[in-house]
Amino acid sequence: MDTYGLIGFPLKHSFSAAFFAEKFSREHIDAEYLNFEINDILQLREVILFNQHLKGLNVTIPYKEKVIPFLDEISDIAATIGAVNVIKITCEPGNMYFYRLAGYNTDYIGFKKSIAPLLQPQIHRKALILGTGGASKAVSKALFDLGLEHRFVSRSAGENRFTYDELTPEIMKDFTVIVNASPVGTFPNVDECPQIPYSLITSQHLLYDLVYNPDETLFLKKGKRQGAATKNGREMLELQALESWQIWNQQ
């Protein structure tokens, strides 16, 4: 039986395990999907060595960037983004100790396909990305390829970014797409949300949250109250998961 899995920390509320278990059952695929909660990226080698039938891994917080030095090759898109969320594992026949790891980024594909139908070119020309982690880099690449100028928003100052305190009425009026690429608001912390000036959001805005649990985060609720269009990250996750499956099974 082939094995696939997810590495990250913590993994209490993993979308991927449930998604692939349902897929394997529905399509009668003889495979399993396991969560590997590791508290150090160095444990990646143990995960692979102790699971001889492991064919592929998804990668989540906090290892999307930290995993890169452990890979033998990386796709052009993942290299450009600087983050990996999919690893394909190939072993030399008869030698479980010799394997190659190839890294990819399907967050980019999932997000791009998910947000593209919502964008109105006359209104949505500029975007704010809340957070600066591995997921935000995939969002940045997708928005760039979709033709949107964008800036990051972080608690600390830096190049090509605003701090939350710098979000003036002029900025909020100009940047009509707001993407939460941080984990803020994820279950069980459902009473938390990114500290943006929600009173400045209008019906011209589109709020997209990569968080999918809960279905409607406080970030999205506050945006909806102001008349904004909203969407959570479930479709993005489904799209990136299906793309992961294609990568793992391509010859």
C-alpha atoms as a PDB file:
ATOM      1  CA  MET A   1       0.000   0.000   0.000  1.00  0.00           C
ATOM      2  CA  ASP A   2       1.367   3.394  -1.014  1.00  0.00           C
ATOM      3  CA  THR A   3       1.636   6.002   1.699  1.00  0.00           C
ATOM      4  CA  TYR A   4       1.278   9.767   1.461  1.00  0.00           C
ATOM      5  CA  GLY A   5       1.309  12.292   4.248  1.00  0.00           C
ATOM      6  CA  LEU A   6       1.658  15.738   5.727  1.00  0.00           C
ATOM      7  CA  ILE A   7       4.518  17.231   7.729  1.00  0.00           C
ATOM      8  CA  GLY A   8       4.048  20.263   9.931  1.00  0.00           C
ATOM      9  CA  PHE A   9       3.553  21.411  13.498  1.00  0.00           C
ATOM     10  CA  PRO A  10       0.974  21.407  14.915  1.00  0.00           C
ATOM     11  CA  LEU A  11      -1.390  19.203  12.896  1.00  0.00           C
ATOM     12  CA  LYS A  12      -4.483  19.055  15.094  1.00  0.00           C
ATOM     13  CA  HIS A  13      -6.854  20.208  12.374  1.00  0.00           C
ATOM     14  CA  SER A  14      -5.495  18.871   9.089  1.00  0.00           C
ATOM     15  CA  PHE A  15      -7.604  19.268   5.963  1.00  0.00           C
ATOM     16  CA  SER A  16      -5.399  16.981   3.870  1.00  0.00           C
ATOM     17  CA  ALA A  17      -5.836  13.752   5.852  1.00  0.00           C
ATOM     18  CA  ALA A  18      -9.644  13.896   5.640  1.00  0.00           C
ATOM     19  CA  PHE A  19      -9.594  14.975   1.986  1.00  0.00           C
ATOM     20  CA  PHE A  20      -7.376  12.122   0.820  1.00  0.00           C
ATOM     21  CA  ALA A  21      -9.052   9.490   3.027  1.00  0.00           C
ATOM     22  CA  GLU A  22     -12.357  10.366   1.361  1.00  0.00           C
ATOM     23  CA  LYS A  23     -10.745  10.395  -2.097  1.00  0.00           C
ATOM     24  CA  PHE A  24      -9.091   6.996  -1.583  1.00  0.00           C
ATOM     25  CA  SER A  25     -12.347   5.485  -0.339  1.00  0.00           C
ATOM     26  CA  ARG A  26     -14.487   6.981  -3.112  1.00  0.00           C
ATOM     27  CA  GLU A  27     -12.108   5.994  -5.920  1.00  0.00           C
ATOM     28  CA  HIS A  28     -11.078   2.629  -4.412  1.00  0.00           C
ATOM     29  CA  ILE A  29      -7.410   3.605  -4.259  1.00  0.00           C
ATOM     30  CA  ASP A  30      -5.227   1.298  -2.174  1.00  0.00           C
ATOM     31  CA  ALA A  31      -3.337   3.988  -0.292  1.00  0.00           C
ATOM     32  CA  GLU A  32      -3.188   5.762   3.035  1.00  0.00           C
ATOM     33  CA  TYR A  33      -2.545   9.355   4.099  1.00  0.00           C
ATOM     34  CA  LEU A  34      -0.872  10.008   7.446  1.00  0.00           C
ATOM     35  CA  ASN A  35      -0.109  13.080   9.521  1.00  0.00           C
ATOM     36  CA  PHE A  36       3.536  13.379  10.586  1.00  0.00           C
ATOM     37  CA  GLU A  37       3.671  16.009  13.300  1.00  0.00           C
ATOM     38  CA  ILE A  38       7.356  16.844  13.638  1.00  0.00           C
ATOM     39  CA  ASN A  39       8.800  19.546  15.889  1.00  0.00           C
ATOM     40  CA  ASP A  40      12.029  19.865  13.884  1.00  0.00           C
ATOM     41  CA  ILE A  41      12.582  19.721  10.118  1.00  0.00           C
ATOM     42  CA  LEU A  42      15.541  17.398  10.751  1.00  0.00           C
ATOM     43  CA  GLN A  43      12.975  14.694  11.543  1.00  0.00           C
ATOM     44  CA  LEU A  44      12.061  14.596   7.843  1.00  0.00           C
ATOM     45  CA  ARG A  45      14.707  11.921   7.265  1.00  0.00           C
ATOM     46  CA  GLU A  46      13.184   9.732   9.985  1.00  0.00           C
ATOM     47  CA  VAL A  47       9.722  10.096   8.487  1.00  0.00           C
ATOM     48  CA  ILE A  48      10.987   8.856   5.132  1.00  0.00           C
ATOM     49  CA  LEU A  49      13.195   6.046   6.438  1.00  0.00           C
ATOM     50  CA  PHE A  50      10.526   4.627   8.749  1.00  0.00           C
ATOM     51  CA  ASN A  51       7.808   4.702   6.076  1.00  0.00           C
ATOM     52  CA  GLN A  52       9.186   2.612   3.235  1.00  0.00           C
ATOM     53  CA  HIS A  53       6.121   3.022   1.003  1.00  0.00           C
ATOM     54  CA  LEU A  54       6.006   6.816   1.277  1.00  0.00           C
ATOM     55  CA  LYS A  55       5.499   8.357  -2.182  1.00  0.00           C
ATOM     56  CA  GLY A  56       4.736  11.953  -1.386  1.00  0.00           C
ATOM     57  CA  LEU A  57       4.328  14.583   1.290  1.00  0.00           C
ATOM     58  CA  ASN A  58       2.452  17.811   1.707  1.00  0.00           C
ATOM     59  CA  VAL A  59       4.237  20.477   3.726  1.00  0.00           C
ATOM     60  CA  THR A  60       2.568  23.016   5.983  1.00  0.00           C
ATOM     61  CA  ILE A  61       3.488  25.560   8.676  1.00  0.00           C
ATOM     62  CA  PRO A  62       6.252  26.057   9.700  1.00  0.00           C
ATOM     63  CA  TYR A  63       8.290  24.060   7.155  1.00  0.00           C
ATOM     64  CA  LYS A  64       7.409  25.416   3.686  1.00  0.00           C
ATOM     65  CA  GLU A  65      10.670  27.356   3.548  1.00  0.00           C
ATOM     66  CA  LYS A  66      12.767  25.297   5.960  1.00  0.00           C
ATOM     67  CA  VAL A  67      12.378  22.128   3.880  1.00  0.00           C
ATOM     68  CA  ILE A  68      14.076  23.526   0.774  1.00  0.00           C
ATOM     69  CA  PRO A  69      17.707  22.716   1.764  1.00  0.00           C
ATOM     70  CA  PHE A  70      16.711  19.042   2.143  1.00  0.00           C
ATOM     71  CA  LEU A  71      15.490  18.695  -1.450  1.00  0.00           C
ATOM     72  CA  ASP A  72      17.414  17.235  -4.378  1.00  0.00           C
ATOM     73  CA  GLU A  73      15.494  19.309  -6.907  1.00  0.00           C
ATOM     74  CA  ILE A  74      12.863  22.016  -6.947  1.00  0.00           C
ATOM     75  CA  SER A  75      10.413  23.208  -9.588  1.00  0.00           C
ATOM     76  CA  ASP A  76      10.899  26.585 -11.208  1.00  0.00           C
ATOM     77  CA  ILE A  77       7.694  27.954  -9.670  1.00  0.00           C
ATOM     78  CA  ALA A  78       8.630  26.781  -6.167  1.00  0.00           C
ATOM     79  CA  ALA A  79      12.127  28.218  -6.558  1.00  0.00           C
ATOM     80  CA  THR A  80      10.728  31.574  -7.657  1.00  0.00           C
ATOM     81  CA  ILE A  81       8.280  31.633  -4.762  1.00  0.00           C
ATOM     82  CA  GLY A  82      10.825  30.397  -2.228  1.00  0.00           C
ATOM     83  CA  ALA A  83       8.423  27.957  -0.594  1.00  0.00           C
ATOM     84  CA  VAL A  84       7.469  24.293  -1.068  1.00  0.00           C
ATOM     85  CA  ASN A  85       4.250  22.568  -0.038  1.00  0.00           C
ATOM     86  CA  VAL A  86       4.574  19.317  -2.014  1.00  0.00           C
ATOM     87  CA  ILE A  87       7.399  16.764  -2.053  1.00  0.00           C
ATOM     88  CA  LYS A  88       7.578  13.845  -4.454  1.00  0.00           C
ATOM     89  CA  ILE A  89       9.662  10.935  -3.166  1.00  0.00           C
ATOM     90  CA  THR A  90      11.287   8.451  -5.516  1.00  0.00           C
ATOM     91  CA  CYS A  91      13.395   5.544  -4.298  1.00  0.00           C
ATOM     92  CA  GLU A  92      15.950   3.427  -6.105  1.00  0.00           C
ATOM     93  CA  PRO A  93      14.446  -0.050  -6.612  1.00  0.00           C
ATOM     94  CA  GLY A  94      15.633  -2.404  -3.880  1.00  0.00           C
ATOM     95  CA  ASN A  95      17.407   0.330  -1.931  1.00  0.00           C
ATOM     96  CA  MET A  96      15.226   2.015   0.689  1.00  0.00           C
ATOM     97  CA  TYR A  97      18.112   4.185   1.811  1.00  0.00           C
ATOM     98  CA  PHE A  98      18.573   5.970  -1.519  1.00  0.00           C
ATOM     99  CA  TYR A  99      15.801   8.367  -2.382  1.00  0.00           C
ATOM    100  CA  ARG A 100      15.332  11.658  -4.174  1.00  0.00           C
ATOM    101  CA  LEU A 101      13.142  14.488  -3.006  1.00  0.00           C
ATOM    102  CA  ALA A 102      11.597  16.905  -5.506  1.00  0.00           C
ATOM    103  CA  GLY A 103       9.805  20.032  -4.268  1.00  0.00           C
ATOM    104  CA  TYR A 104       6.822  21.822  -5.809  1.00  0.00           C
ATOM    105  CA  ASN A 105       4.382  24.580  -4.898  1.00  0.00           C
ATOM    106  CA  THR A 106       0.702  23.863  -5.524  1.00  0.00           C
ATOM    107  CA  ASP A 107      -0.499  26.612  -3.155  1.00  0.00           C
ATOM    108  CA  TYR A 108       0.244  28.947  -6.050  1.00  0.00           C
ATOM    109  CA  ILE A 109      -1.950  27.002  -8.459  1.00  0.00           C
ATOM    110  CA  GLY A 110      -4.775  26.510  -5.969  1.00  0.00           C
ATOM    111  CA  PHE A 111      -4.935  30.156  -4.946  1.00  0.00           C
ATOM    112  CA  LYS A 112      -4.636  31.502  -8.487  1.00  0.00           C
ATOM    113  CA  LYS A 113      -7.443  29.297  -9.817  1.00  0.00           C
ATOM    114  CA  SER A 114      -9.637  30.054  -6.825  1.00  0.00           C
ATOM    115  CA  ILE A 115      -9.389  33.850  -6.749  1.00  0.00           C
ATOM    116  CA  ALA A 116      -9.234  34.550 -10.495  1.00  0.00           C
ATOM    117  CA  PRO A 117     -13.023  34.275 -11.140  1.00  0.00           C
ATOM    118  CA  LEU A 118     -13.707  36.792  -8.351  1.00  0.00           C
ATOM    119  CA  LEU A 119     -11.497  39.558  -9.688  1.00  0.00           C
ATOM    120  CA  GLN A 120     -13.053  42.519 -11.496  1.00  0.00           C
ATOM    121  CA  PRO A 121     -10.340  44.281 -13.525  1.00  0.00           C
ATOM    122  CA  GLN A 122     -12.000  47.690 -13.275  1.00  0.00           C
ATOM    123  CA  ILE A 123     -12.085  47.528  -9.462  1.00  0.00           C
ATOM    124  CA  HIS A 124      -9.415  45.090  -8.308  1.00  0.00           C
ATOM    125  CA  ARG A 125      -6.044  46.433  -9.360  1.00  0.00           C
ATOM    126  CA  LYS A 126      -4.124  46.395  -6.062  1.00  0.00           C
ATOM    127  CA  ALA A 127      -3.948  43.898  -3.210  1.00  0.00           C
ATOM    128  CA  LEU A 128      -2.759  43.675   0.374  1.00  0.00           C
ATOM    129  CA  ILE A 129      -1.303  40.375   1.597  1.00  0.00           C
ATOM    130  CA  LEU A 130      -1.607  39.940   5.354  1.00  0.00           C
ATOM    131  CA  GLY A 131       1.356  37.922   6.621  1.00  0.00           C
ATOM    132  CA  THR A 132       4.827  37.187   5.283  1.00  0.00           C
ATOM    133  CA  GLY A 133       5.203  33.399   5.704  1.00  0.00           C
ATOM    134  CA  GLY A 134       5.529  30.660   3.090  1.00  0.00           C
ATOM    135  CA  ALA A 135       1.887  30.811   2.008  1.00  0.00           C
ATOM    136  CA  SER A 136       2.099  34.557   1.426  1.00  0.00           C
ATOM    137  CA  LYS A 137       4.881  34.023  -1.096  1.00  0.00           C
ATOM    138  CA  ALA A 138       2.683  31.778  -3.231  1.00  0.00           C
ATOM    139  CA  VAL A 139      -0.111  34.360  -3.004  1.00  0.00           C
ATOM    140  CA  SER A 140       2.316  37.071  -4.090  1.00  0.00           C
ATOM    141  CA  LYS A 141       3.420  35.143  -7.180  1.00  0.00           C
ATOM    142  CA  ALA A 142      -0.185  34.374  -8.144  1.00  0.00           C
ATOM    143  CA  LEU A 143      -1.316  37.989  -7.780  1.00  0.00           C
ATOM    144  CA  PHE A 144       1.667  39.167  -9.815  1.00  0.00           C
ATOM    145  CA  ASP A 145       0.792  36.721 -12.602  1.00  0.00           C
ATOM    146  CA  LEU A 146      -2.829  37.907 -12.463  1.00  0.00           C
ATOM    147  CA  GLY A 147      -1.646  41.474 -12.991  1.00  0.00           C
ATOM    148  CA  LEU A 148      -2.296  42.893  -9.525  1.00  0.00           C
ATOM    149  CA  GLU A 149       0.108  45.243  -7.837  1.00  0.00           C
ATOM    150  CA  HIS A 150       0.425  44.199  -4.207  1.00  0.00           C
ATOM    151  CA  ARG A 151       2.084  44.910  -0.888  1.00  0.00           C
ATOM    152  CA  PHE A 152       2.602  42.796   2.206  1.00  0.00           C
ATOM    153  CA  VAL A 153       1.270  43.825   5.608  1.00  0.00           C
ATOM    154  CA  SER A 154       3.174  42.813   8.715  1.00  0.00           C
ATOM    155  CA  ARG A 155       3.566  43.750  12.354  1.00  0.00           C
ATOM    156  CA  SER A 156       7.147  44.804  11.614  1.00  0.00           C
ATOM    157  CA  ALA A 157       8.395  47.289   9.030  1.00  0.00           C
ATOM    158  CA  GLY A 158      10.289  46.119   5.964  1.00  0.00           C
ATOM    159  CA  GLU A 159      10.817  46.499   2.239  1.00  0.00           C
ATOM    160  CA  ASN A 160       7.669  46.364   0.066  1.00  0.00           C
ATOM    161  CA  ARG A 161       5.380  46.127   3.081  1.00  0.00           C
ATOM    162  CA  PHE A 162       3.123  48.170   5.302  1.00  0.00           C
ATOM    163  CA  THR A 163       2.672  47.735   9.010  1.00  0.00           C
ATOM    164  CA  TYR A 164      -0.897  47.419  10.262  1.00  0.00           C
ATOM    165  CA  ASP A 165      -0.616  50.880  11.803  1.00  0.00           C
ATOM    166  CA  GLU A 166       0.194  52.357   8.387  1.00  0.00           C
ATOM    167  CA  LEU A 167      -3.084  51.329   6.734  1.00  0.00           C
ATOM    168  CA  THR A 168      -4.521  54.762   6.070  1.00  0.00           C
ATOM    169  CA  PRO A 169      -7.919  55.524   4.465  1.00  0.00           C
ATOM    170  CA  GLU A 170      -6.077  56.254   1.195  1.00  0.00           C
ATOM    171  CA  ILE A 171      -4.361  52.861   1.218  1.00  0.00           C
ATOM    172  CA  MET A 172      -7.553  51.015   2.096  1.00  0.00           C
ATOM    173  CA  LYS A 173      -9.428  52.762  -0.708  1.00  0.00           C
ATOM    174  CA  ASP A 174      -6.675  51.987  -3.237  1.00  0.00           C
ATOM    175  CA  PHE A 175      -6.017  48.346  -2.302  1.00  0.00           C
ATOM    176  CA  THR A 176      -9.374  46.680  -2.852  1.00  0.00           C
ATOM    177  CA  VAL A 177      -8.226  43.050  -2.587  1.00  0.00           C
ATOM    178  CA  ILE A 178      -7.169  41.877   0.874  1.00  0.00           C
ATOM    179  CA  VAL A 179      -5.784  38.355   1.339  1.00  0.00           C
ATOM    180  CA  ASN A 180      -5.224  36.895   4.786  1.00  0.00           C
ATOM    181  CA  ALA A 181      -2.222  34.601   4.330  1.00  0.00           C
ATOM    182  CA  SER A 182      -1.585  34.370   8.074  1.00  0.00           C
ATOM    183  CA  PRO A 183      -3.020  31.725  10.447  1.00  0.00           C
ATOM    184  CA  VAL A 184      -4.818  34.398  12.510  1.00  0.00           C
ATOM    185  CA  GLY A 185      -8.433  33.367  13.105  1.00  0.00           C
ATOM    186  CA  THR A 186      -7.872  29.626  12.676  1.00  0.00           C
ATOM    187  CA  PHE A 187      -9.844  27.325  14.990  1.00  0.00           C
ATOM    188  CA  PRO A 188      -9.809  27.334  17.998  1.00  0.00           C
ATOM    189  CA  ASN A 189      -8.837  31.037  17.954  1.00  0.00           C
ATOM    190  CA  VAL A 190     -12.041  32.043  16.178  1.00  0.00           C
ATOM    191  CA  ASP A 191     -12.371  35.336  18.058  1.00  0.00           C
ATOM    192  CA  GLU A 192      -9.158  36.674  16.532  1.00  0.00           C
ATOM    193  CA  CYS A 193      -8.687  38.517  13.239  1.00  0.00           C
ATOM    194  CA  PRO A 194      -5.972  40.555  11.506  1.00  0.00           C
ATOM    195  CA  GLN A 195      -5.895  44.096  12.866  1.00  0.00           C
ATOM    196  CA  ILE A 196      -6.878  46.052   9.784  1.00  0.00           C
ATOM    197  CA  PRO A 197      -9.292  49.062   9.816  1.00  0.00           C
ATOM    198  CA  TYR A 198     -12.485  47.170   8.922  1.00  0.00           C
ATOM    199  CA  SER A 199     -14.555  50.379   9.029  1.00  0.00           C
ATOM    200  CA  LEU A 200     -12.756  51.430   5.818  1.00  0.00           C
ATOM    201  CA  ILE A 201     -13.837  48.341   3.862  1.00  0.00           C
ATOM    202  CA  THR A 202     -16.562  48.890   1.267  1.00  0.00           C
ATOM    203  CA  SER A 203     -18.578  46.973  -1.313  1.00  0.00           C
ATOM    204  CA  GLN A 204     -15.668  47.515  -3.703  1.00  0.00           C
ATOM    205  CA  HIS A 205     -13.448  45.227  -1.631  1.00  0.00           C
ATOM    206  CA  LEU A 206     -12.755  41.512  -1.974  1.00  0.00           C
ATOM    207  CA  LEU A 207     -11.568  39.698   1.160  1.00  0.00           C
ATOM    208  CA  TYR A 208      -9.998  36.260   0.704  1.00  0.00           C
ATOM    209  CA  ASP A 209      -8.927  34.178   3.701  1.00  0.00           C
ATOM    210  CA  LEU A 210      -6.587  31.214   3.264  1.00  0.00           C
ATOM    211  CA  VAL A 211      -7.987  29.927   6.559  1.00  0.00           C
ATOM    212  CA  TYR A 212     -10.761  27.355   6.023  1.00  0.00           C
ATOM    213  CA  ASN A 213     -11.579  26.362   9.610  1.00  0.00           C
ATOM    214  CA  PRO A 214     -13.942  27.937  10.601  1.00  0.00           C
ATOM    215  CA  ASP A 215     -15.783  28.309   7.295  1.00  0.00           C
ATOM    216  CA  GLU A 216     -16.315  31.995   7.981  1.00  0.00           C
ATOM    217  CA  THR A 217     -13.556  33.620  10.003  1.00  0.00           C
ATOM    218  CA  LEU A 218     -13.998  36.839  11.945  1.00  0.00           C
ATOM    219  CA  PHE A 219     -11.937  38.511   9.190  1.00  0.00           C
ATOM    220  CA  LEU A 220     -14.537  37.475   6.605  1.00  0.00           C
ATOM    221  CA  LYS A 221     -17.496  38.265   8.859  1.00  0.00           C
ATOM    222  CA  LYS A 222     -16.279  41.809   9.435  1.00  0.00           C
ATOM    223  CA  GLY A 223     -15.680  42.282   5.717  1.00  0.00           C
ATOM    224  CA  LYS A 224     -19.127  40.966   4.829  1.00  0.00           C
ATOM    225  CA  ARG A 225     -20.747  43.380   7.282  1.00  0.00           C
ATOM    226  CA  GLN A 226     -19.163  46.216   5.296  1.00  0.00           C
ATOM    227  CA  GLY A 227     -20.550  44.835   2.027  1.00  0.00           C
ATOM    228  CA  ALA A 228     -17.352  43.229   0.737  1.00  0.00           C
ATOM    229  CA  ALA A 229     -17.218  40.047  -1.325  1.00  0.00           C
ATOM    230  CA  THR A 230     -15.630  37.222   0.686  1.00  0.00           C
ATOM    231  CA  LYS A 231     -14.205  33.739   0.200  1.00  0.00           C
ATOM    232  CA  ASN A 232     -12.420  31.257   2.418  1.00  0.00           C
ATOM    233  CA  GLY A 233      -9.536  28.937   1.536  1.00  0.00           C
ATOM    234  CA  ARG A 234     -11.319  25.590   1.195  1.00  0.00           C
ATOM    235  CA  GLU A 235     -11.492  25.598  -2.605  1.00  0.00           C
ATOM    236  CA  MET A 236      -7.824  26.608  -2.767  1.00  0.00           C
ATOM    237  CA  LEU A 237      -6.926  23.655  -0.537  1.00  0.00           C
ATOM    238  CA  GLU A 238      -8.951  21.232  -2.641  1.00  0.00           C
ATOM    239  CA  LEU A 239      -7.352  22.489  -5.850  1.00  0.00           C
ATOM    240  CA  GLN A 240      -3.819  22.315  -4.445  1.00  0.00           C
ATOM    241  CA  ALA A 241      -4.485  18.824  -3.045  1.00  0.00           C
ATOM    242  CA  LEU A 242      -5.653  17.535  -6.441  1.00  0.00           C
ATOM    243  CA  GLU A 243      -2.570  19.077  -8.045  1.00  0.00           C
ATOM    244  CA  SER A 244      -0.413  17.347  -5.405  1.00  0.00           C
ATOM    245  CA  TRP A 245      -1.949  14.020  -6.379  1.00  0.00           C
ATOM    246  CA  GLN A 246      -1.121  14.633 -10.034  1.00  0.00           C
ATOM    247  CA  ILE A 247       2.494  15.396  -9.156  1.00  0.00           C
ATOM    248  CA  TRP A 248       2.919  12.310  -7.001  1.00  0.00           C
ATOM    249  CA  ASN A 249       1.543  10.046  -9.701  1.00  0.00           C
ATOM    250  CA  GLN A 250       3.097  11.499 -12.838  1.00  0.00           C
ATOM    251  CA  GLN A 251       5.741   9.303 -14.433  1.00  0.00           C
END
